[in-house]
Protein backbone atom coordinates (compact mmCIF):
# COMPACT_ATOMS: atom_id res chain seq x y z
CA MET A 1 -16.26 6.32 -22.10
CA ARG A 2 -17.37 3.52 -19.75
CA ILE A 3 -14.78 2.18 -17.31
CA THR A 4 -15.07 -0.81 -14.98
CA VAL A 5 -12.66 -1.21 -12.06
CA VAL A 6 -12.30 -4.67 -10.52
CA GLY A 7 -11.14 -4.55 -6.89
CA GLY A 8 -12.34 -2.70 -3.81
CA GLY A 9 -9.00 -2.07 -2.12
CA VAL A 10 -7.16 1.24 -1.97
CA VAL A 11 -5.80 1.26 -5.54
CA GLY A 12 -9.13 0.17 -7.05
CA LEU A 13 -11.12 2.73 -5.06
CA LEU A 14 -8.76 5.63 -5.76
CA THR A 15 -8.47 4.70 -9.44
CA ALA A 16 -12.26 4.82 -9.65
CA VAL A 17 -12.16 8.30 -8.07
CA GLU A 18 -9.63 9.47 -10.64
CA CYS A 19 -11.71 8.03 -13.48
CA VAL A 20 -14.77 9.93 -12.22
CA ARG A 21 -12.72 13.14 -12.23
CA ALA A 22 -11.29 12.51 -15.73
CA PRO A 23 -12.85 14.25 -18.75
CA GLY A 24 -14.90 12.17 -21.14
CA VAL A 25 -15.85 9.40 -18.68
CA SER A 26 -19.61 8.86 -18.58
CA ARG A 27 -19.82 5.80 -16.35
CA VAL A 28 -17.56 4.18 -13.75
CA GLU A 29 -18.43 0.80 -12.29
CA LEU A 30 -16.60 -0.76 -9.35
CA VAL A 31 -16.84 -4.50 -8.78
CA ASP A 32 -15.66 -6.66 -5.89
CA ALA A 33 -16.20 -10.24 -4.76
CA GLY A 34 -17.09 -9.00 -1.27
CA PRO A 35 -18.36 -5.75 0.25
CA ILE A 36 -17.07 -2.40 -0.98
CA PRO A 37 -14.63 -1.50 0.45
CA SER A 38 -13.32 -5.03 0.64
CA PRO A 39 -12.61 -6.10 4.24
CA THR A 40 -10.13 -8.70 3.00
CA ALA A 41 -8.10 -6.28 0.86
CA THR A 42 -4.43 -5.97 1.82
CA SER A 43 -5.01 -2.24 2.27
CA ASN A 44 -7.92 -2.63 4.69
CA ASP A 45 -6.12 -2.33 8.01
CA ARG A 46 -6.16 0.16 10.86
CA LEU A 47 -2.87 1.91 10.12
CA ARG A 48 -0.54 2.63 7.21
CA VAL A 49 2.59 4.79 7.35
CA VAL A 50 3.30 7.39 4.66
CA ARG A 51 7.00 8.26 4.72
CA ALA A 52 9.59 9.31 2.17
CA LEU A 53 12.95 7.82 3.13
CA HIS A 54 14.08 4.70 1.28
CA ARG A 55 17.65 4.19 2.36
CA GLY A 56 20.12 4.06 -0.50
CA GLU A 57 17.42 4.82 -3.12
CA PRO A 58 17.34 8.56 -3.87
CA ALA A 59 14.90 8.23 -6.80
CA LEU A 60 12.39 6.28 -4.72
CA THR A 61 12.79 8.72 -1.83
CA ALA A 62 12.06 11.62 -4.18
CA ALA A 63 8.93 9.87 -5.45
CA ALA A 64 7.75 9.02 -1.94
CA ALA A 65 8.17 12.63 -0.84
CA GLN A 66 5.11 13.41 -2.98
CA ALA A 67 2.93 10.85 -1.19
CA HIS A 68 2.24 13.26 1.69
CA ALA A 69 0.58 15.75 -0.68
CA GLY A 70 -1.23 12.92 -2.46
CA TRP A 71 -3.03 11.81 0.68
CA LEU A 72 -3.89 15.38 1.66
CA GLU A 73 -5.50 15.79 -1.78
CA VAL A 74 -7.52 12.59 -1.32
CA GLU A 75 -8.82 13.96 1.98
CA SER A 76 -9.79 17.20 0.26
CA VAL A 77 -11.60 15.45 -2.58
CA VAL A 78 -13.67 13.07 -0.46
CA GLY A 79 -14.22 15.52 2.40
CA SER A 80 -13.01 13.35 5.27
CA ARG A 81 -9.99 13.25 7.57
CA PHE A 82 -7.99 10.07 7.96
CA TYR A 83 -4.37 11.16 7.34
CA HIS A 84 -2.52 12.25 10.47
CA PRO A 85 1.02 13.72 10.16
CA ALA A 86 2.88 12.11 13.05
CA GLY A 87 6.45 11.83 11.79
CA ALA A 88 8.62 8.80 11.05
CA LEU A 89 11.93 7.92 12.65
CA THR A 90 14.40 5.72 10.75
CA ALA A 91 17.33 4.37 12.75
CA MET A 92 20.63 3.71 10.97
CA PRO A 93 24.37 3.78 11.64
CA GLU A 94 25.26 7.29 12.78
CA GLN A 95 27.72 7.77 9.94
CA ASN A 96 24.92 7.38 7.35
CA VAL A 97 22.59 10.01 8.77
CA ALA A 98 24.02 13.05 6.97
CA ALA A 99 23.83 11.48 3.51
CA GLU A 100 20.24 10.23 3.93
CA LEU A 101 19.19 13.57 5.40
CA ALA A 102 20.62 15.34 2.35
CA VAL A 103 18.58 13.09 0.03
CA LEU A 104 15.39 13.89 1.94
CA THR A 105 16.10 17.62 1.93
CA THR A 106 16.73 17.56 -1.81
CA ALA A 107 13.40 15.77 -2.26
CA GLY A 108 11.63 18.58 -0.40
CA ALA A 109 10.82 16.71 2.80
CA ARG A 110 11.19 18.37 6.20
CA ALA A 111 13.56 16.25 8.26
CA TRP A 112 16.47 16.41 10.66
CA GLY A 113 19.13 14.08 12.01
CA LEU A 114 19.42 12.66 15.52
CA SER A 115 22.57 11.48 17.24
CA PRO A 116 22.80 8.37 19.47
CA THR A 117 22.53 10.70 22.48
CA ASP A 118 19.42 12.32 21.02
CA LEU A 119 17.82 8.91 20.51
CA THR A 120 18.37 7.66 24.03
CA GLY A 121 17.20 10.96 25.47
CA ARG A 122 14.03 11.23 23.38
CA TYR A 123 13.03 7.58 23.14
CA PRO A 124 14.24 5.81 26.30
CA TRP A 125 11.61 3.10 25.88
CA ILE A 126 13.25 1.83 22.65
CA ARG A 127 16.52 -0.10 22.53
CA PHE A 128 18.24 1.00 19.34
CA PRO A 129 21.11 -0.94 17.75
CA PRO A 130 24.49 0.20 19.11
CA GLY A 131 25.91 3.23 17.33
CA SER A 132 22.58 4.21 15.85
CA GLY A 133 21.65 7.69 14.81
CA ALA A 134 18.37 8.40 13.03
CA VAL A 135 16.55 10.59 10.55
CA LEU A 136 13.25 12.06 11.73
CA GLU A 137 10.77 13.02 8.99
CA ALA A 138 8.34 15.70 10.11
CA THR A 139 6.23 15.37 6.95
CA ALA A 140 5.56 11.67 7.38
CA GLY A 141 2.24 10.48 8.71
CA VAL A 142 -0.21 7.68 9.44
CA VAL A 143 -3.34 6.88 7.45
CA LEU A 144 -6.25 5.26 9.27
CA ALA A 145 -6.62 2.87 6.36
CA ASP A 146 -10.03 1.39 7.14
CA HIS A 147 -11.49 4.88 7.69
CA ALA A 148 -9.98 6.05 4.40
CA LEU A 149 -11.43 3.19 2.38
CA VAL A 150 -14.91 3.70 3.85
CA ALA A 151 -14.77 7.44 3.12
CA VAL A 152 -13.66 6.91 -0.49
CA ALA A 153 -16.32 4.24 -1.09
CA ARG A 154 -18.98 6.56 0.34
CA TRP A 155 -17.82 9.37 -1.96
CA LEU A 156 -18.04 7.06 -4.97
CA GLY A 157 -21.49 5.83 -3.94
CA ASN A 158 -22.76 9.41 -3.95
CA ARG A 159 -21.64 10.14 -7.51
CA PRO A 160 -24.44 9.78 -10.10
CA GLN A 161 -22.13 8.34 -12.76
CA VAL A 162 -20.82 5.58 -10.46
CA ARG A 163 -22.29 2.12 -9.90
CA LEU A 164 -20.95 -0.09 -7.11
CA HIS A 165 -21.32 -3.86 -7.52
CA PRO A 166 -20.38 -5.67 -4.29
CA HIS A 167 -20.51 -9.46 -3.87
CA GLN A 168 -19.88 -10.15 -7.56
CA ARG A 169 -16.87 -12.40 -8.07
CA VAL A 170 -15.00 -11.90 -11.32
CA VAL A 171 -13.41 -15.04 -12.76
CA GLU A 172 -12.01 -13.76 -16.06
CA VAL A 173 -11.06 -10.49 -17.74
CA THR A 174 -10.43 -10.51 -21.47
CA GLN A 175 -10.53 -8.06 -24.35
CA HIS A 176 -12.64 -7.71 -27.44
CA ASP A 177 -12.33 -5.37 -30.42
CA ALA A 178 -13.96 -2.43 -28.68
CA GLY A 179 -12.88 -2.87 -25.08
CA GLY A 180 -12.80 -5.29 -22.18
CA VAL A 181 -15.05 -8.16 -21.12
CA ILE A 182 -15.62 -9.26 -17.52
CA ARG A 183 -17.02 -12.72 -16.79
CA PHE A 184 -18.56 -13.39 -13.38
CA ALA A 185 -18.77 -16.59 -11.36
CA ASP A 186 -22.47 -16.92 -12.22
CA GLY A 187 -21.66 -17.00 -15.93
CA THR A 188 -22.85 -13.49 -16.77
CA THR A 189 -20.62 -10.96 -18.52
CA ARG A 190 -20.22 -7.20 -18.64
CA THR A 191 -18.39 -5.10 -21.19
CA ALA A 192 -16.70 -1.73 -20.88
CA ASP A 193 -14.53 0.51 -22.98
CA ARG A 194 -11.75 0.02 -20.43
CA VAL A 195 -11.30 -2.50 -17.63
CA ILE A 196 -8.89 -1.89 -14.76
CA VAL A 197 -7.92 -4.84 -12.57
CA ALA A 198 -6.65 -3.97 -9.08
CA THR A 199 -7.33 -7.06 -7.01
CA GLY A 200 -4.18 -7.16 -4.89
CA PRO A 201 -3.09 -10.68 -3.90
CA TRP A 202 -5.90 -12.21 -6.00
CA SER A 203 -4.51 -10.71 -9.22
CA ARG A 204 -2.85 -13.93 -10.39
CA GLU A 205 -6.30 -15.40 -10.98
CA LEU A 206 -7.25 -12.66 -13.46
CA VAL A 207 -4.11 -11.57 -15.31
CA PRO A 208 -2.53 -13.35 -18.32
CA ALA A 209 -0.28 -16.31 -17.57
CA ALA A 210 2.77 -14.37 -18.81
CA VAL A 211 2.20 -11.84 -16.02
CA ALA A 212 1.05 -14.24 -13.31
CA ALA A 213 4.24 -16.29 -13.70
CA ASP A 214 6.29 -13.27 -12.60
CA LEU A 215 4.37 -12.68 -9.36
CA THR A 216 5.32 -13.99 -5.93
CA LEU A 217 2.85 -14.21 -3.06
CA TYR A 218 4.09 -13.10 0.37
CA ARG A 219 2.65 -13.49 3.85
CA GLN A 220 3.47 -10.98 6.61
CA SER A 221 2.76 -11.38 10.33
CA VAL A 222 1.98 -8.36 12.53
CA LEU A 223 1.44 -7.97 16.27
CA SER A 224 -1.10 -5.58 17.82
CA TYR A 225 0.27 -4.30 21.11
CA ARG A 226 -1.81 -2.26 23.52
CA PRO A 227 0.71 -0.20 25.59
CA GLN A 228 1.62 2.91 23.67
CA THR A 229 3.43 6.18 24.31
CA SER A 230 1.27 9.02 22.98
CA GLY A 231 2.55 11.33 20.28
CA MET A 232 5.36 9.11 19.05
CA PRO A 233 6.33 8.70 15.39
CA ALA A 234 6.53 5.50 13.39
CA VAL A 235 9.95 3.96 14.04
CA LEU A 236 11.93 1.87 11.55
CA GLY A 237 15.38 0.30 11.46
CA LEU A 238 15.01 -1.54 14.76
CA GLY A 239 16.49 -4.84 15.91
CA PRO A 240 19.95 -6.30 15.33
CA THR A 241 19.46 -6.44 11.55
CA GLY A 242 17.51 -3.16 11.31
CA ASP A 243 14.44 -4.81 9.77
CA ALA A 244 11.91 -4.33 12.60
CA TRP A 245 9.42 -1.48 12.82
CA LEU A 246 6.63 -0.15 14.99
CA MET A 247 3.64 1.86 13.88
CA PRO A 248 1.79 4.02 16.40
CA ALA A 249 -1.85 4.98 16.35
CA PRO A 250 -2.71 8.69 16.11
CA ALA A 251 -3.75 10.46 19.28
CA HIS A 252 -7.39 9.85 20.26
CA SER A 253 -7.50 6.67 18.13
CA ASP A 254 -8.50 3.32 19.61
CA ALA A 255 -6.05 1.45 17.36
CA SER A 256 -3.21 -0.52 18.90
CA LEU A 257 0.51 -0.22 18.25
CA ARG A 258 1.56 -2.34 15.27
CA LEU A 259 4.81 -4.29 15.51
CA SER A 260 6.49 -6.33 12.79
CA ALA A 261 9.74 -7.06 10.95
CA ALA A 262 10.87 -8.07 7.50
CA SER A 263 11.99 -11.35 9.05
CA ALA A 264 8.29 -12.17 9.60
CA CYS A 265 7.61 -11.94 5.87
CA ARG A 266 7.86 -15.15 3.84
CA SER A 267 6.72 -16.46 0.48
CA ALA A 268 3.48 -18.44 0.47
CA ALA A 269 2.12 -21.05 -1.91
CA ALA A 270 -1.46 -19.82 -1.63
CA MET A 271 -3.74 -17.51 0.32
CA THR A 272 -5.37 -19.32 3.20
CA ASP A 273 -6.54 -17.74 6.45
CA ARG A 274 -5.11 -14.75 8.31
CA ALA A 275 -4.42 -16.59 11.55
CA THR A 276 -0.76 -16.25 12.49
CA PRO A 277 1.02 -19.57 13.13
CA GLU A 278 2.35 -19.76 16.67
CA ARG A 279 5.99 -19.91 15.55
CA TRP A 280 5.69 -16.54 13.81
CA ARG A 281 3.89 -14.96 16.75
CA GLU A 282 6.67 -16.16 19.03
CA HIS A 283 9.29 -14.94 16.55
CA LEU A 284 7.92 -11.38 16.67
CA ILE A 285 7.58 -11.49 20.45
CA GLY A 286 11.26 -12.45 20.59
CA VAL A 287 12.22 -9.57 18.29
CA PHE A 288 10.38 -6.95 20.34
CA THR A 289 11.43 -8.35 23.69
CA ASP A 290 14.91 -7.23 22.61
CA VAL A 291 13.76 -3.95 21.03
CA LEU A 292 11.37 -2.64 23.70
CA PRO A 293 12.61 -2.74 27.30
CA GLY A 294 9.75 -3.92 29.48
CA PHE A 295 7.93 -5.56 26.55
CA ASP A 296 5.03 -7.60 27.94
CA PRO A 297 3.86 -10.55 25.78
CA ALA A 298 0.56 -10.49 27.68
CA ALA A 299 -0.14 -7.07 26.19
CA VAL A 300 -0.19 -8.50 22.65
CA VAL A 301 -3.91 -8.13 21.95
CA ASP A 302 -3.90 -9.64 18.46
CA CYS A 303 -1.68 -11.16 15.80
CA PHE A 304 -2.70 -11.39 12.17
CA ASP A 305 -1.25 -12.16 8.76
CA GLY A 306 -1.65 -10.21 5.53
CA PHE A 307 -0.86 -11.17 1.94
CA TYR A 308 0.54 -9.26 -0.99
CA LEU A 309 1.97 -9.94 -4.44
CA SER A 310 5.36 -8.75 -5.58
CA GLU A 311 6.99 -8.79 -8.99
CA ARG A 312 9.57 -11.56 -8.96
CA THR A 313 12.59 -9.71 -10.37
CA ARG A 314 12.36 -6.18 -8.99
CA GLY A 315 10.40 -7.07 -5.87
CA GLY A 316 7.76 -4.37 -6.15
CA PRO A 317 4.59 -3.45 -8.05
CA LEU A 318 3.76 -4.29 -11.65
CA LEU A 319 1.44 -2.54 -14.09
CA ALA A 320 0.55 -4.37 -17.28
CA SER A 321 -1.77 -3.76 -20.22
CA TYR A 322 -3.16 -5.91 -22.99
CA GLY A 323 -5.84 -5.80 -25.66
CA ALA A 324 -4.43 -2.61 -27.20
CA GLY A 325 -4.95 -0.80 -23.92
CA ALA A 326 -8.47 -2.16 -23.30
CA VAL A 327 -7.35 -3.82 -20.05
CA TRP A 328 -5.00 -2.39 -17.42
CA ALA A 329 -3.91 -4.59 -14.55
CA TYR A 330 -2.14 -3.39 -11.44
CA ALA A 331 -1.00 -6.95 -10.97
CA ALA A 332 1.49 -6.76 -8.10
CA CYS A 333 0.75 -4.58 -5.13
CA GLY A 334 4.26 -4.78 -3.69
CA GLY A 335 4.89 -3.88 -0.08
CA MET A 336 4.42 -0.13 -0.38
CA SER A 337 1.43 0.39 -2.67
CA PHE A 338 -0.73 2.00 0.00
CA LYS A 339 1.67 4.90 0.43
CA PHE A 340 1.88 5.51 -3.32
CA ALA A 341 -1.80 4.73 -3.99
CA PRO A 342 -2.89 8.30 -4.90
CA GLN A 343 -0.06 8.64 -7.44
CA ILE A 344 -0.58 5.12 -8.79
CA ALA A 345 -4.33 5.68 -9.18
CA ARG A 346 -3.79 8.89 -11.14
CA ALA A 347 -1.31 7.23 -13.48
CA ILE A 348 -3.57 4.25 -14.16
CA ALA A 349 -6.62 6.44 -14.76
CA ASP A 350 -4.61 8.70 -17.09
CA ARG A 351 -3.59 5.71 -19.19
CA ALA A 352 -7.10 4.26 -19.22
CA VAL A 353 -8.69 7.46 -20.55
CA GLY A 354 -5.87 8.15 -23.01
CA SER A 355 -4.32 11.15 -21.23
CA THR A 356 -0.61 11.69 -20.79
CA PRO A 357 0.18 9.73 -17.61
CA ARG A 358 1.46 11.78 -14.70
CA PRO A 359 4.74 10.24 -13.50
CA THR A 360 4.85 8.47 -10.17
CA GLY A 361 8.58 7.91 -9.85
CA LEU A 362 7.92 4.16 -9.69
CA ASP A 363 9.58 2.60 -12.72
CA ALA A 364 7.17 -0.35 -12.84
CA VAL A 365 4.18 2.03 -13.07
CA ASP A 366 5.75 4.66 -15.32
CA ARG A 367 7.03 1.95 -17.69
CA PRO A 368 4.29 -0.70 -17.71
CA ARG A 369 4.44 -4.03 -19.49
CA PHE A 370 2.44 -4.20 -22.71
CA LEU A 371 1.09 -7.54 -23.90
CA ALA A 372 -0.21 -7.86 -27.45
CA ALA A 373 -2.98 -10.14 -26.18
CA ALA A 374 -3.77 -12.24 -23.16
CA GLY A 375 -0.95 -14.71 -22.66
CA LYS A 376 1.29 -13.21 -25.39
CA GLU A 377 4.09 -10.69 -24.98
């Protein structure tokens, strides 16, 4: 079987890895409009947090508890280290801590609860919302995302059955009787037994109209902040509405602290540049001036915007197939695809090669949309 993967971000790269490891696959080709890995991919950043707790969503928490093992397996396969267990702290009203801790424990995650006194004693440099307790996940961690993507691309490049095709822009993916057809910007085409589309925020350009109509583009602003306390976990649930978060760099890393909030995420008409408008930079500075005592705006070393697609109704990822399974499209990356990427990649590869798909716990991936043909449900 010959499989072509379109997209050099984390899901595309890891899906290609899983296809290489699958029985019966003779050739895997990976295509991207830019370099491989793609520097413009949503996943190509310095840091990504892998944590389990999704407040009020036990099923999603249980699924996310497997992400830790997924990233450790990726490290083992490609022979490189980029996942650093550092913990994750989620602030919440003290009365909710016991219930969320019980969900995590049931899911198999190592975690414990912290009282308001614990928080102020351990993290005096953070101003938590009044009455906050927290859940601390010991089995959460940080992925050095750009390092991970380079390591995975290198592993693929060293496999004899893999061909990497950077700087080849795909403009259309369709199906024919025996498989999928890819058409490039220069007018040339390539066929494969299966085509997998994983192009992140560019997916609307390549998926059928019936799928594209259900996808919303979002733009998120993030601050890079140089002062950092070593050895601290990722911290979520900050600010008066509990939607702000900070992401630390692992020890001995030159990455900066990442600061952002859900309030800095907004829908966008189209992808433009990644420069953060001044109003959104000032908005985040205002948020963290309240959250971090002694916050210094002059220590903001960068501010950038990222884009992602989300399924309009459920607000997360979307997996769709058409052409009798010839084409699989991971059309919406959602806001948490990086964390689940190893599980998502395995499930997509399983479906592409005709194996029983291993469940991810993500309903949109475990129950994909099937289109009879491009543009028709």
